N, C-alpha and C. Protein backbone atom coordinates (compact mmCIF):
# COMPACT_ATOMS: atom_id res chain seq x y z
N MET A 1 136.94 100.44 167.52
CA MET A 1 136.69 101.81 167.98
C MET A 1 136.65 102.75 166.77
N THR A 2 135.65 103.58 166.71
CA THR A 2 135.49 104.51 165.59
C THR A 2 136.49 105.65 165.70
N GLN A 3 137.18 105.93 164.59
CA GLN A 3 138.15 107.02 164.58
C GLN A 3 137.46 108.35 164.34
N THR A 4 137.95 109.39 164.97
CA THR A 4 137.43 110.73 164.74
C THR A 4 137.98 111.26 163.43
N SER A 5 137.39 112.36 162.95
CA SER A 5 137.85 112.97 161.71
C SER A 5 139.31 113.41 161.82
N SER A 6 139.67 113.96 162.98
CA SER A 6 141.05 114.41 163.20
C SER A 6 142.02 113.24 163.13
N GLU A 7 141.64 112.12 163.72
CA GLU A 7 142.51 110.93 163.70
C GLU A 7 142.66 110.39 162.29
N LEU A 8 141.58 110.41 161.53
CA LEU A 8 141.63 109.93 160.15
C LEU A 8 142.52 110.83 159.28
N ILE A 9 142.38 112.14 159.49
CA ILE A 9 143.20 113.09 158.73
C ILE A 9 144.67 112.91 159.08
N PHE A 10 144.95 112.71 160.38
CA PHE A 10 146.34 112.50 160.82
C PHE A 10 146.91 111.23 160.21
N GLN A 11 146.13 110.16 160.21
CA GLN A 11 146.58 108.90 159.64
C GLN A 11 146.82 109.03 158.14
N GLN A 12 145.88 109.70 157.47
CA GLN A 12 146.02 109.89 156.03
C GLN A 12 147.24 110.75 155.71
N SER A 13 147.49 111.78 156.52
CA SER A 13 148.66 112.63 156.32
C SER A 13 149.94 111.84 156.43
N ARG A 14 150.02 110.94 157.40
CA ARG A 14 151.20 110.11 157.59
C ARG A 14 151.41 109.18 156.39
N CYS A 15 150.33 108.63 155.87
CA CYS A 15 150.42 107.74 154.72
C CYS A 15 150.88 108.50 153.47
N ILE A 16 150.27 109.67 153.25
CA ILE A 16 150.65 110.49 152.11
C ILE A 16 152.11 110.92 152.23
N SER A 17 152.50 111.30 153.43
CA SER A 17 153.89 111.71 153.68
C SER A 17 154.85 110.58 153.34
N HIS A 18 154.50 109.37 153.76
CA HIS A 18 155.35 108.21 153.49
C HIS A 18 155.51 107.97 151.99
N GLU A 19 154.41 108.03 151.25
CA GLU A 19 154.46 107.78 149.81
C GLU A 19 155.23 108.87 149.07
N LEU A 20 155.00 110.10 149.46
CA LEU A 20 155.71 111.20 148.80
C LEU A 20 157.21 111.12 149.05
N ARG A 21 157.59 110.79 150.28
CA ARG A 21 159.02 110.69 150.59
C ARG A 21 159.67 109.56 149.81
N ASN A 22 158.95 108.49 149.58
CA ASN A 22 159.48 107.39 148.76
C ASN A 22 159.82 107.89 147.35
N HIS A 23 158.92 108.65 146.77
CA HIS A 23 159.14 109.11 145.40
C HIS A 23 160.18 110.24 145.33
N LEU A 24 160.26 111.03 146.38
CA LEU A 24 161.32 112.04 146.44
C LEU A 24 162.69 111.36 146.48
N SER A 25 162.77 110.27 147.23
CA SER A 25 164.04 109.55 147.32
C SER A 25 164.43 108.95 145.96
N ILE A 26 163.43 108.53 145.18
CA ILE A 26 163.70 108.03 143.83
C ILE A 26 164.30 109.13 142.97
N CYS A 27 163.71 110.31 143.03
CA CYS A 27 164.22 111.45 142.27
C CYS A 27 165.65 111.78 142.68
N GLU A 28 165.92 111.74 143.98
CA GLU A 28 167.26 112.06 144.47
C GLU A 28 168.27 111.01 144.01
N LEU A 29 167.87 109.75 144.03
CA LEU A 29 168.76 108.68 143.57
C LEU A 29 169.08 108.82 142.09
N TYR A 30 168.08 109.16 141.29
CA TYR A 30 168.33 109.33 139.85
C TYR A 30 169.23 110.53 139.58
N CYS A 31 169.14 111.56 140.41
CA CYS A 31 170.08 112.68 140.28
C CYS A 31 171.51 112.19 140.48
N GLU A 32 171.69 111.34 141.51
CA GLU A 32 173.02 110.80 141.78
C GLU A 32 173.49 109.91 140.63
N ILE A 33 172.60 109.11 140.08
CA ILE A 33 172.95 108.22 138.96
C ILE A 33 173.37 109.04 137.74
N ILE A 34 172.61 110.09 137.43
CA ILE A 34 172.95 110.94 136.29
C ILE A 34 174.32 111.57 136.49
N LYS A 35 174.56 112.08 137.72
CA LYS A 35 175.86 112.72 138.01
C LYS A 35 177.00 111.73 137.88
N LYS A 36 176.82 110.52 138.41
CA LYS A 36 177.87 109.50 138.33
C LYS A 36 178.15 109.10 136.89
N ASN A 37 177.11 108.98 136.07
CA ASN A 37 177.30 108.60 134.67
C ASN A 37 178.00 109.70 133.88
N LEU A 38 177.68 110.95 134.20
CA LEU A 38 178.38 112.06 133.55
C LEU A 38 179.87 112.05 133.91
N ASP A 39 180.14 111.84 135.20
CA ASP A 39 181.54 111.80 135.64
C ASP A 39 182.28 110.62 135.02
N LYS A 40 181.61 109.47 134.96
CA LYS A 40 182.22 108.27 134.40
C LYS A 40 182.53 108.45 132.92
N SER A 41 181.67 109.20 132.21
CA SER A 41 181.88 109.43 130.78
C SER A 41 182.79 110.61 130.50
N GLY A 42 183.22 111.28 131.57
CA GLY A 42 184.11 112.42 131.40
C GLY A 42 183.42 113.63 130.81
N ILE A 43 182.11 113.73 131.03
CA ILE A 43 181.33 114.85 130.48
C ILE A 43 181.24 115.96 131.51
N GLU A 44 181.73 117.13 131.15
CA GLU A 44 181.62 118.30 132.00
C GLU A 44 180.60 119.27 131.42
N ASN A 45 179.49 119.44 132.12
CA ASN A 45 178.45 120.34 131.65
C ASN A 45 177.94 121.14 132.86
N ASP A 46 178.39 122.38 132.94
CA ASP A 46 178.04 123.21 134.10
C ASP A 46 176.54 123.41 134.23
N SER A 47 175.84 123.54 133.09
CA SER A 47 174.40 123.77 133.12
C SER A 47 173.67 122.55 133.71
N VAL A 48 174.07 121.35 133.29
CA VAL A 48 173.44 120.13 133.80
C VAL A 48 173.78 119.95 135.28
N ASN A 49 175.04 120.18 135.64
CA ASN A 49 175.45 120.04 137.04
C ASN A 49 174.68 121.00 137.94
N ASN A 50 174.48 122.23 137.45
CA ASN A 50 173.74 123.21 138.24
C ASN A 50 172.27 122.81 138.35
N ALA A 51 171.71 122.27 137.25
CA ALA A 51 170.32 121.82 137.28
C ALA A 51 170.13 120.69 138.29
N LEU A 52 171.07 119.75 138.31
CA LEU A 52 171.00 118.64 139.27
C LEU A 52 171.10 119.15 140.70
N LYS A 53 171.97 120.13 140.92
CA LYS A 53 172.12 120.72 142.25
C LYS A 53 170.83 121.38 142.70
N CYS A 54 170.18 122.12 141.78
CA CYS A 54 168.92 122.80 142.11
C CYS A 54 167.80 121.81 142.37
N ILE A 55 167.78 120.71 141.60
CA ILE A 55 166.76 119.68 141.81
C ILE A 55 166.93 119.07 143.20
N LYS A 56 168.16 118.75 143.56
CA LYS A 56 168.42 118.16 144.88
C LYS A 56 168.05 119.13 146.00
N ARG A 57 168.34 120.43 145.79
CA ARG A 57 167.97 121.43 146.78
C ARG A 57 166.45 121.50 146.94
N SER A 58 165.73 121.48 145.81
CA SER A 58 164.26 121.53 145.86
C SER A 58 163.69 120.29 146.52
N LEU A 59 164.32 119.13 146.27
CA LEU A 59 163.87 117.89 146.90
C LEU A 59 164.02 117.96 148.42
N LYS A 60 165.11 118.59 148.90
CA LYS A 60 165.30 118.73 150.34
C LYS A 60 164.24 119.67 150.95
N ILE A 61 163.94 120.75 150.22
CA ILE A 61 162.91 121.68 150.70
C ILE A 61 161.55 120.98 150.76
N MET A 62 161.24 120.20 149.71
CA MET A 62 159.98 119.46 149.70
C MET A 62 159.93 118.42 150.81
N GLY A 63 161.05 117.71 151.01
CA GLY A 63 161.10 116.71 152.07
C GLY A 63 160.89 117.32 153.44
N ASN A 64 161.46 118.50 153.65
CA ASN A 64 161.28 119.21 154.91
C ASN A 64 159.82 119.59 155.11
N SER A 65 159.16 120.02 154.03
CA SER A 65 157.74 120.40 154.13
C SER A 65 156.87 119.18 154.42
N ILE A 66 157.23 118.04 153.84
CA ILE A 66 156.46 116.83 154.07
C ILE A 66 156.55 116.39 155.53
N LEU A 67 157.69 116.63 156.16
CA LEU A 67 157.83 116.28 157.57
C LEU A 67 156.84 117.04 158.43
N ASP A 68 156.42 118.22 157.95
CA ASP A 68 155.44 119.01 158.70
C ASP A 68 154.10 118.30 158.81
N LEU A 69 153.84 117.36 157.89
CA LEU A 69 152.60 116.58 157.96
C LEU A 69 152.62 115.62 159.15
N LYS A 70 153.83 115.26 159.58
CA LYS A 70 153.97 114.27 160.64
C LYS A 70 154.21 114.88 162.01
N SER A 71 154.73 116.11 162.03
CA SER A 71 155.07 116.71 163.31
C SER A 71 154.94 118.22 163.25
N LEU A 72 154.49 118.83 164.33
CA LEU A 72 154.41 120.28 164.42
C LEU A 72 155.75 120.87 164.86
N ASP A 73 156.65 120.00 165.32
CA ASP A 73 157.95 120.46 165.80
C ASP A 73 159.03 119.98 164.84
N ASN A 74 159.12 120.66 163.69
CA ASN A 74 160.03 120.22 162.64
C ASN A 74 161.08 121.27 162.30
N LEU A 75 161.29 122.23 163.18
CA LEU A 75 162.32 123.23 162.94
C LEU A 75 163.69 122.67 163.31
N LYS A 76 164.65 122.85 162.40
CA LYS A 76 166.03 122.41 162.65
C LYS A 76 166.97 123.57 162.33
N PRO A 77 166.97 124.61 163.16
CA PRO A 77 167.80 125.78 162.88
C PRO A 77 169.28 125.53 163.12
N GLY A 78 170.09 126.28 162.41
CA GLY A 78 171.53 126.21 162.56
C GLY A 78 172.13 127.50 162.03
N LYS A 79 173.44 127.64 162.14
CA LYS A 79 174.13 128.83 161.64
C LYS A 79 174.46 128.66 160.16
N TYR A 80 174.08 129.66 159.36
CA TYR A 80 174.34 129.61 157.93
C TYR A 80 174.83 130.97 157.45
N ASP A 81 175.64 130.92 156.39
CA ASP A 81 176.14 132.15 155.79
C ASP A 81 175.04 132.77 154.93
N LEU A 82 174.71 134.02 155.19
CA LEU A 82 173.60 134.68 154.51
C LEU A 82 173.83 134.78 153.00
N LYS A 83 175.02 135.16 152.59
CA LYS A 83 175.30 135.29 151.16
C LYS A 83 175.14 133.96 150.44
N GLN A 84 175.63 132.90 151.04
CA GLN A 84 175.50 131.58 150.42
C GLN A 84 174.04 131.17 150.29
N LEU A 85 173.25 131.45 151.32
CA LEU A 85 171.82 131.13 151.26
C LEU A 85 171.14 131.89 150.12
N MET A 86 171.45 133.18 149.98
CA MET A 86 170.81 133.98 148.95
C MET A 86 171.23 133.52 147.56
N ASP A 87 172.51 133.19 147.40
CA ASP A 87 172.98 132.69 146.10
C ASP A 87 172.27 131.39 145.73
N GLU A 88 172.09 130.50 146.70
CA GLU A 88 171.39 129.23 146.44
C GLU A 88 169.94 129.48 146.05
N ALA A 89 169.28 130.40 146.74
CA ALA A 89 167.89 130.72 146.43
C ALA A 89 167.75 131.26 145.01
N VAL A 90 168.65 132.12 144.60
CA VAL A 90 168.61 132.70 143.25
C VAL A 90 168.84 131.62 142.20
N GLU A 91 169.85 130.77 142.42
CA GLU A 91 170.13 129.70 141.45
C GLU A 91 168.93 128.77 141.29
N THR A 92 168.29 128.44 142.41
CA THR A 92 167.12 127.56 142.36
C THR A 92 165.96 128.22 141.63
N SER A 93 165.83 129.54 141.74
CA SER A 93 164.68 130.26 141.18
C SER A 93 164.84 130.62 139.70
N LYS A 94 166.05 130.50 139.17
CA LYS A 94 166.28 130.89 137.78
C LYS A 94 165.44 130.10 136.80
N VAL A 95 165.01 128.92 137.20
CA VAL A 95 164.20 128.08 136.31
C VAL A 95 162.87 128.75 135.96
N TYR A 96 162.40 129.68 136.82
CA TYR A 96 161.13 130.34 136.58
C TYR A 96 161.23 131.45 135.52
N GLY A 97 162.46 131.86 135.18
CA GLY A 97 162.64 132.97 134.25
C GLY A 97 162.92 134.25 135.02
N GLY A 98 162.89 135.38 134.31
CA GLY A 98 163.20 136.65 134.95
C GLY A 98 164.70 136.85 135.06
N ARG A 99 165.10 138.07 135.32
CA ARG A 99 166.51 138.41 135.50
C ARG A 99 166.74 138.80 136.95
N PHE A 100 167.65 138.08 137.59
CA PHE A 100 167.93 138.30 139.01
C PHE A 100 169.28 138.98 139.19
N THR A 101 169.32 139.94 140.07
CA THR A 101 170.59 140.50 140.54
C THR A 101 170.60 140.38 142.05
N CYS A 102 171.71 139.89 142.58
CA CYS A 102 171.79 139.63 144.02
C CYS A 102 173.05 140.25 144.58
N SER A 103 172.88 141.07 145.60
CA SER A 103 174.00 141.69 146.28
C SER A 103 173.85 141.39 147.77
N ALA A 104 174.74 140.57 148.29
CA ALA A 104 174.64 140.17 149.70
C ALA A 104 175.94 140.42 150.42
N GLN A 105 175.81 141.00 151.60
CA GLN A 105 176.99 141.28 152.43
C GLN A 105 177.66 139.97 152.84
N LYS A 106 178.98 139.96 152.81
CA LYS A 106 179.73 138.76 153.16
C LYS A 106 179.90 138.64 154.68
N ASN A 107 180.21 137.40 155.08
CA ASN A 107 180.55 137.11 156.48
C ASN A 107 179.44 137.49 157.46
N VAL A 108 178.21 137.22 157.06
CA VAL A 108 177.06 137.42 157.95
C VAL A 108 176.46 136.05 158.26
N GLN A 109 176.39 135.71 159.52
CA GLN A 109 175.82 134.43 159.95
C GLN A 109 174.41 134.64 160.49
N VAL A 110 173.48 133.82 160.03
CA VAL A 110 172.11 133.87 160.54
C VAL A 110 171.73 132.48 161.07
N TYR A 111 170.82 132.46 162.01
CA TYR A 111 170.39 131.22 162.66
C TYR A 111 169.00 130.87 162.15
N VAL A 112 168.94 129.95 161.17
CA VAL A 112 167.67 129.63 160.52
C VAL A 112 167.58 128.14 160.23
N ASP A 113 166.38 127.68 159.93
CA ASP A 113 166.17 126.36 159.35
C ASP A 113 166.44 126.52 157.85
N GLU A 114 167.51 125.93 157.37
CA GLU A 114 167.97 126.16 156.00
C GLU A 114 166.88 125.92 154.96
N ASN A 115 166.21 124.78 155.04
CA ASN A 115 165.22 124.41 154.02
C ASN A 115 163.99 125.31 154.06
N LYS A 116 163.51 125.61 155.26
CA LYS A 116 162.34 126.47 155.36
C LYS A 116 162.66 127.90 154.91
N PHE A 117 163.84 128.37 155.27
CA PHE A 117 164.25 129.72 154.88
C PHE A 117 164.39 129.81 153.36
N LEU A 118 165.08 128.86 152.76
CA LEU A 118 165.23 128.87 151.30
C LEU A 118 163.88 128.74 150.61
N GLY A 119 163.00 127.91 151.17
CA GLY A 119 161.67 127.76 150.59
C GLY A 119 160.92 129.08 150.55
N CYS A 120 161.05 129.89 151.59
CA CYS A 120 160.39 131.20 151.63
C CYS A 120 160.95 132.14 150.57
N ILE A 121 162.28 132.21 150.47
CA ILE A 121 162.90 133.11 149.49
C ILE A 121 162.50 132.70 148.08
N VAL A 122 162.57 131.41 147.79
CA VAL A 122 162.21 130.92 146.45
C VAL A 122 160.75 131.25 146.13
N ASN A 123 159.88 131.11 147.12
CA ASN A 123 158.46 131.41 146.90
C ASN A 123 158.25 132.88 146.54
N ILE A 124 158.94 133.78 147.23
CA ILE A 124 158.81 135.21 146.95
C ILE A 124 159.36 135.54 145.56
N LEU A 125 160.48 134.93 145.18
CA LEU A 125 161.05 135.16 143.86
C LEU A 125 160.14 134.62 142.76
N LYS A 126 159.56 133.47 143.00
CA LYS A 126 158.62 132.88 142.04
C LYS A 126 157.40 133.77 141.86
N ASN A 127 156.88 134.31 142.96
CA ASN A 127 155.73 135.21 142.87
C ASN A 127 156.05 136.43 142.00
N ALA A 128 157.28 136.94 142.14
CA ALA A 128 157.68 138.11 141.35
C ALA A 128 157.64 137.80 139.86
N VAL A 129 158.16 136.64 139.48
CA VAL A 129 158.14 136.25 138.06
C VAL A 129 156.71 136.08 137.57
N GLU A 130 155.87 135.46 138.40
CA GLU A 130 154.47 135.24 138.02
C GLU A 130 153.69 136.54 137.94
N ALA A 131 154.20 137.60 138.59
CA ALA A 131 153.56 138.92 138.51
C ALA A 131 154.03 139.69 137.28
N GLY A 132 154.82 139.03 136.45
CA GLY A 132 155.26 139.65 135.20
C GLY A 132 156.58 140.39 135.30
N ALA A 133 157.29 140.24 136.40
CA ALA A 133 158.56 140.96 136.56
C ALA A 133 159.64 140.33 135.69
N ASP A 134 160.43 141.18 135.05
CA ASP A 134 161.60 140.68 134.33
C ASP A 134 162.89 141.18 134.97
N LYS A 135 162.75 142.01 136.01
CA LYS A 135 163.91 142.47 136.77
C LYS A 135 163.61 142.29 138.26
N ILE A 136 164.39 141.45 138.89
CA ILE A 136 164.19 141.16 140.30
C ILE A 136 165.52 141.38 141.02
N ARG A 137 165.50 142.25 142.00
CA ARG A 137 166.73 142.60 142.70
C ARG A 137 166.66 142.17 144.16
N ILE A 138 167.73 141.51 144.62
CA ILE A 138 167.81 141.06 146.00
C ILE A 138 169.04 141.69 146.64
N THR A 139 168.84 142.33 147.77
CA THR A 139 169.96 142.87 148.54
C THR A 139 169.86 142.34 149.96
N ALA A 140 171.02 142.00 150.52
CA ALA A 140 171.05 141.49 151.89
C ALA A 140 172.20 142.15 152.63
N SER A 141 171.90 142.77 153.74
CA SER A 141 172.92 143.46 154.52
C SER A 141 172.61 143.26 156.00
N ALA A 142 173.56 143.66 156.85
CA ALA A 142 173.36 143.45 158.28
C ALA A 142 174.11 144.48 159.09
N ASP A 143 173.59 144.75 160.28
CA ASP A 143 174.33 145.51 161.28
C ASP A 143 174.64 144.53 162.42
N ARG A 144 174.92 145.03 163.60
CA ARG A 144 175.29 144.15 164.71
C ARG A 144 174.15 143.27 165.20
N GLU A 145 172.93 143.72 164.98
CA GLU A 145 171.78 143.00 165.53
C GLU A 145 170.93 142.27 164.49
N TYR A 146 170.70 142.93 163.35
CA TYR A 146 169.75 142.38 162.40
C TYR A 146 170.30 142.30 160.99
N ALA A 147 169.84 141.29 160.28
CA ALA A 147 170.08 141.18 158.84
C ALA A 147 168.79 141.56 158.14
N ARG A 148 168.92 142.25 157.02
CA ARG A 148 167.75 142.67 156.25
C ARG A 148 167.89 142.22 154.80
N ILE A 149 166.86 141.56 154.33
CA ILE A 149 166.83 141.09 152.94
C ILE A 149 165.71 141.83 152.24
N ASN A 150 166.04 142.57 151.22
CA ASN A 150 165.04 143.31 150.44
C ASN A 150 164.94 142.70 149.05
N ILE A 151 163.73 142.38 148.65
CA ILE A 151 163.47 141.78 147.35
C ILE A 151 162.50 142.68 146.59
N SER A 152 162.96 143.29 145.52
CA SER A 152 162.11 144.19 144.74
C SER A 152 161.98 143.69 143.31
N ASN A 153 160.86 144.01 142.68
CA ASN A 153 160.63 143.60 141.30
C ASN A 153 159.79 144.65 140.58
N ASN A 154 159.81 144.59 139.25
CA ASN A 154 159.06 145.55 138.44
C ASN A 154 157.80 144.95 137.83
N GLY A 155 157.23 143.97 138.53
CA GLY A 155 156.02 143.32 138.04
C GLY A 155 154.77 144.14 138.30
N THR A 156 153.63 143.55 137.99
CA THR A 156 152.34 144.21 138.20
C THR A 156 152.17 144.54 139.68
N PRO A 157 151.88 145.78 140.01
CA PRO A 157 151.75 146.16 141.42
C PRO A 157 150.52 145.54 142.09
N ILE A 158 150.58 145.42 143.39
CA ILE A 158 149.45 144.95 144.18
C ILE A 158 148.55 146.14 144.47
N LEU A 159 147.27 146.00 144.21
CA LEU A 159 146.35 147.11 144.42
C LEU A 159 146.40 147.58 145.88
N PRO A 160 146.36 148.90 146.10
CA PRO A 160 146.46 149.44 147.47
C PRO A 160 145.46 148.81 148.44
N GLU A 161 144.22 148.59 147.97
CA GLU A 161 143.20 148.05 148.87
C GLU A 161 143.43 146.56 149.18
N LYS A 162 144.34 145.91 148.45
CA LYS A 162 144.62 144.50 148.67
C LYS A 162 145.89 144.25 149.49
N GLN A 163 146.69 145.29 149.67
CA GLN A 163 148.01 145.10 150.27
C GLN A 163 147.96 144.61 151.71
N ARG A 164 146.92 144.95 152.45
CA ARG A 164 146.82 144.49 153.83
C ARG A 164 146.42 143.02 153.94
N GLU A 165 145.94 142.46 152.82
CA GLU A 165 145.42 141.09 152.86
C GLU A 165 146.37 140.04 152.33
N ILE A 166 147.50 140.45 151.75
CA ILE A 166 148.32 139.49 151.01
C ILE A 166 148.89 138.36 151.86
N PHE A 167 149.00 138.56 153.17
CA PHE A 167 149.54 137.51 154.04
C PHE A 167 148.43 136.66 154.68
N ASN A 168 147.17 136.94 154.31
CA ASN A 168 146.06 136.17 154.86
C ASN A 168 145.95 134.82 154.15
N GLU A 169 145.60 133.80 154.90
CA GLU A 169 145.41 132.48 154.31
C GLU A 169 144.24 132.52 153.31
N GLY A 170 144.50 132.01 152.12
CA GLY A 170 143.47 131.94 151.09
C GLY A 170 143.38 133.14 150.18
N PHE A 171 144.11 134.22 150.50
CA PHE A 171 144.06 135.41 149.65
C PHE A 171 145.06 135.27 148.51
N THR A 172 144.62 135.57 147.28
CA THR A 172 145.50 135.49 146.12
C THR A 172 145.23 136.64 145.16
N THR A 173 146.28 137.11 144.51
CA THR A 173 146.14 138.13 143.48
C THR A 173 146.28 137.53 142.09
N LYS A 174 146.56 136.22 142.03
CA LYS A 174 146.77 135.57 140.73
C LYS A 174 145.44 135.35 140.03
N GLN A 175 145.43 135.69 138.73
CA GLN A 175 144.21 135.60 137.94
C GLN A 175 144.47 134.81 136.65
N SER A 176 143.46 134.11 136.21
CA SER A 176 143.50 133.44 134.91
C SER A 176 142.13 133.59 134.27
N GLY A 177 142.06 134.42 133.24
CA GLY A 177 140.77 134.69 132.60
C GLY A 177 139.82 135.41 133.52
N GLY A 178 140.38 136.26 134.40
CA GLY A 178 139.53 137.02 135.32
C GLY A 178 139.09 136.25 136.53
N VAL A 179 139.57 135.00 136.66
CA VAL A 179 139.18 134.15 137.79
C VAL A 179 140.42 133.87 138.65
N PRO A 180 140.31 133.96 139.99
CA PRO A 180 141.46 133.66 140.84
C PRO A 180 142.02 132.28 140.54
N SER A 181 143.34 132.21 140.35
CA SER A 181 143.97 130.94 139.97
C SER A 181 144.94 130.43 141.03
N GLY A 182 145.25 131.24 142.03
CA GLY A 182 146.17 130.82 143.09
C GLY A 182 145.41 130.27 144.28
N ARG A 183 146.13 129.63 145.20
CA ARG A 183 145.51 129.06 146.40
C ARG A 183 145.64 129.97 147.61
N GLY A 184 146.44 131.00 147.49
CA GLY A 184 146.58 131.95 148.59
C GLY A 184 147.27 131.38 149.80
N LEU A 185 148.26 130.50 149.58
CA LEU A 185 148.96 129.88 150.70
C LEU A 185 150.43 130.29 150.78
N GLY A 186 151.01 130.68 149.65
CA GLY A 186 152.45 130.93 149.59
C GLY A 186 152.95 131.94 150.60
N LEU A 187 152.45 133.17 150.54
CA LEU A 187 152.91 134.21 151.46
C LEU A 187 152.46 133.95 152.89
N PHE A 188 151.30 133.32 153.04
CA PHE A 188 150.82 132.94 154.37
C PHE A 188 151.80 131.97 155.03
N ILE A 189 152.24 130.97 154.28
CA ILE A 189 153.21 130.00 154.80
C ILE A 189 154.55 130.66 155.06
N CYS A 190 154.99 131.51 154.12
CA CYS A 190 156.27 132.20 154.28
C CYS A 190 156.29 133.02 155.57
N LYS A 191 155.25 133.79 155.78
CA LYS A 191 155.22 134.67 156.96
C LYS A 191 155.26 133.84 158.25
N ASN A 192 154.50 132.73 158.29
CA ASN A 192 154.47 131.90 159.50
C ASN A 192 155.78 131.17 159.72
N ASN A 193 156.37 130.63 158.63
CA ASN A 193 157.64 129.92 158.78
C ASN A 193 158.76 130.87 159.22
N LEU A 194 158.76 132.07 158.66
CA LEU A 194 159.77 133.04 159.06
C LEU A 194 159.55 133.51 160.50
N ALA A 195 158.30 133.67 160.90
CA ALA A 195 158.00 134.07 162.28
C ALA A 195 158.52 133.02 163.26
N ALA A 196 158.44 131.75 162.87
CA ALA A 196 158.95 130.68 163.72
C ALA A 196 160.47 130.75 163.86
N LEU A 197 161.13 131.46 162.93
CA LEU A 197 162.58 131.64 162.97
C LEU A 197 162.95 133.01 163.55
N ASN A 198 161.98 133.64 164.21
CA ASN A 198 162.17 134.99 164.78
C ASN A 198 162.47 136.03 163.70
N ALA A 199 161.95 135.79 162.51
CA ALA A 199 162.12 136.73 161.40
C ALA A 199 160.77 137.33 161.03
N GLU A 200 160.81 138.50 160.45
CA GLU A 200 159.59 139.20 160.06
C GLU A 200 159.58 139.45 158.56
N LEU A 201 158.47 139.13 157.92
CA LEU A 201 158.27 139.41 156.49
C LEU A 201 157.21 140.48 156.35
N LYS A 202 157.52 141.53 155.60
CA LYS A 202 156.53 142.58 155.39
C LYS A 202 156.65 143.16 153.99
N LEU A 203 155.56 143.75 153.53
CA LEU A 203 155.54 144.45 152.25
C LEU A 203 155.93 145.90 152.51
N ILE A 204 157.01 146.36 151.88
CA ILE A 204 157.47 147.73 152.05
C ILE A 204 156.66 148.68 151.18
N LYS A 205 156.48 148.31 149.93
CA LYS A 205 155.71 149.16 149.01
C LYS A 205 155.32 148.35 147.78
N SER A 206 154.33 148.83 147.07
CA SER A 206 153.95 148.26 145.78
C SER A 206 153.25 149.34 144.98
N ASP A 207 153.96 149.84 143.98
CA ASP A 207 153.40 150.88 143.12
C ASP A 207 153.81 150.62 141.67
N LYS A 208 153.59 151.58 140.80
CA LYS A 208 153.89 151.39 139.38
C LYS A 208 155.38 151.17 139.13
N LYS A 209 156.22 151.70 140.01
CA LYS A 209 157.66 151.56 139.81
C LYS A 209 158.18 150.20 140.27
N SER A 210 157.76 149.77 141.45
CA SER A 210 158.28 148.49 141.97
C SER A 210 157.44 147.99 143.14
N THR A 211 157.60 146.68 143.38
CA THR A 211 157.04 146.04 144.57
C THR A 211 158.22 145.53 145.38
N GLU A 212 158.21 145.81 146.68
CA GLU A 212 159.36 145.43 147.51
C GLU A 212 158.92 144.78 148.80
N PHE A 213 159.51 143.61 149.08
CA PHE A 213 159.31 142.91 150.33
C PHE A 213 160.60 142.99 151.14
N GLU A 214 160.45 142.92 152.47
CA GLU A 214 161.63 142.94 153.34
C GLU A 214 161.51 141.86 154.39
N ILE A 215 162.61 141.15 154.60
CA ILE A 215 162.71 140.16 155.67
C ILE A 215 163.75 140.66 156.66
N THR A 216 163.37 140.71 157.92
CA THR A 216 164.28 141.12 158.98
C THR A 216 164.46 139.96 159.93
N LEU A 217 165.73 139.61 160.24
CA LEU A 217 165.99 138.52 161.16
C LEU A 217 167.25 138.79 161.96
N PRO A 218 167.32 138.25 163.18
CA PRO A 218 168.50 138.51 164.01
C PRO A 218 169.74 137.84 163.40
N VAL A 219 170.89 138.49 163.54
CA VAL A 219 172.14 137.86 163.13
C VAL A 219 172.57 136.92 164.23
N SER A 220 173.35 135.93 163.85
CA SER A 220 173.78 134.93 164.83
C SER A 220 175.01 135.45 165.56
């Protein structure tokens, strides 16, 4: 029986997912081996330990995204501490450069898919660095109903006529030699993943002084 294009794409996605997960598991195992060897040798290195932690966190985020190739129902929400989530996102994003300051209200519980939520925050922070920002500020606070996360940076502003398009699939502001260099998927994915968590992502402003995004989500 001849397979349709959709069936072939689905089969190929499953195969690619399987191979990628195999190699992700190799990376995770080597992280464990490195950590065990450091401990066995009595070597204490906070920078290396933090790097291994960030690698393992990124591997989990990637693994979660790969599962999306196999199923449309891959949300695994749970209760998480907002401050801890924001601290993890900042630590993971430091590899991109830039200077981060994070102020998050304590004892706030949110109901999210941990990996998808962290993936969105990291993507927004990465975009800020790629826009030339050297100062990126994150604040997270909550009232009885909603938590609000504001991420501002001093990078190159988004042109006013482009601001309505930034969440569209395929739209990118990234340039290399005057030619678009991005795929225009990052913010599109972030907005959709957050919407699936009953959260809203929006651009508050973008001018010569700063660009600011806000995420609003219900508290648990």
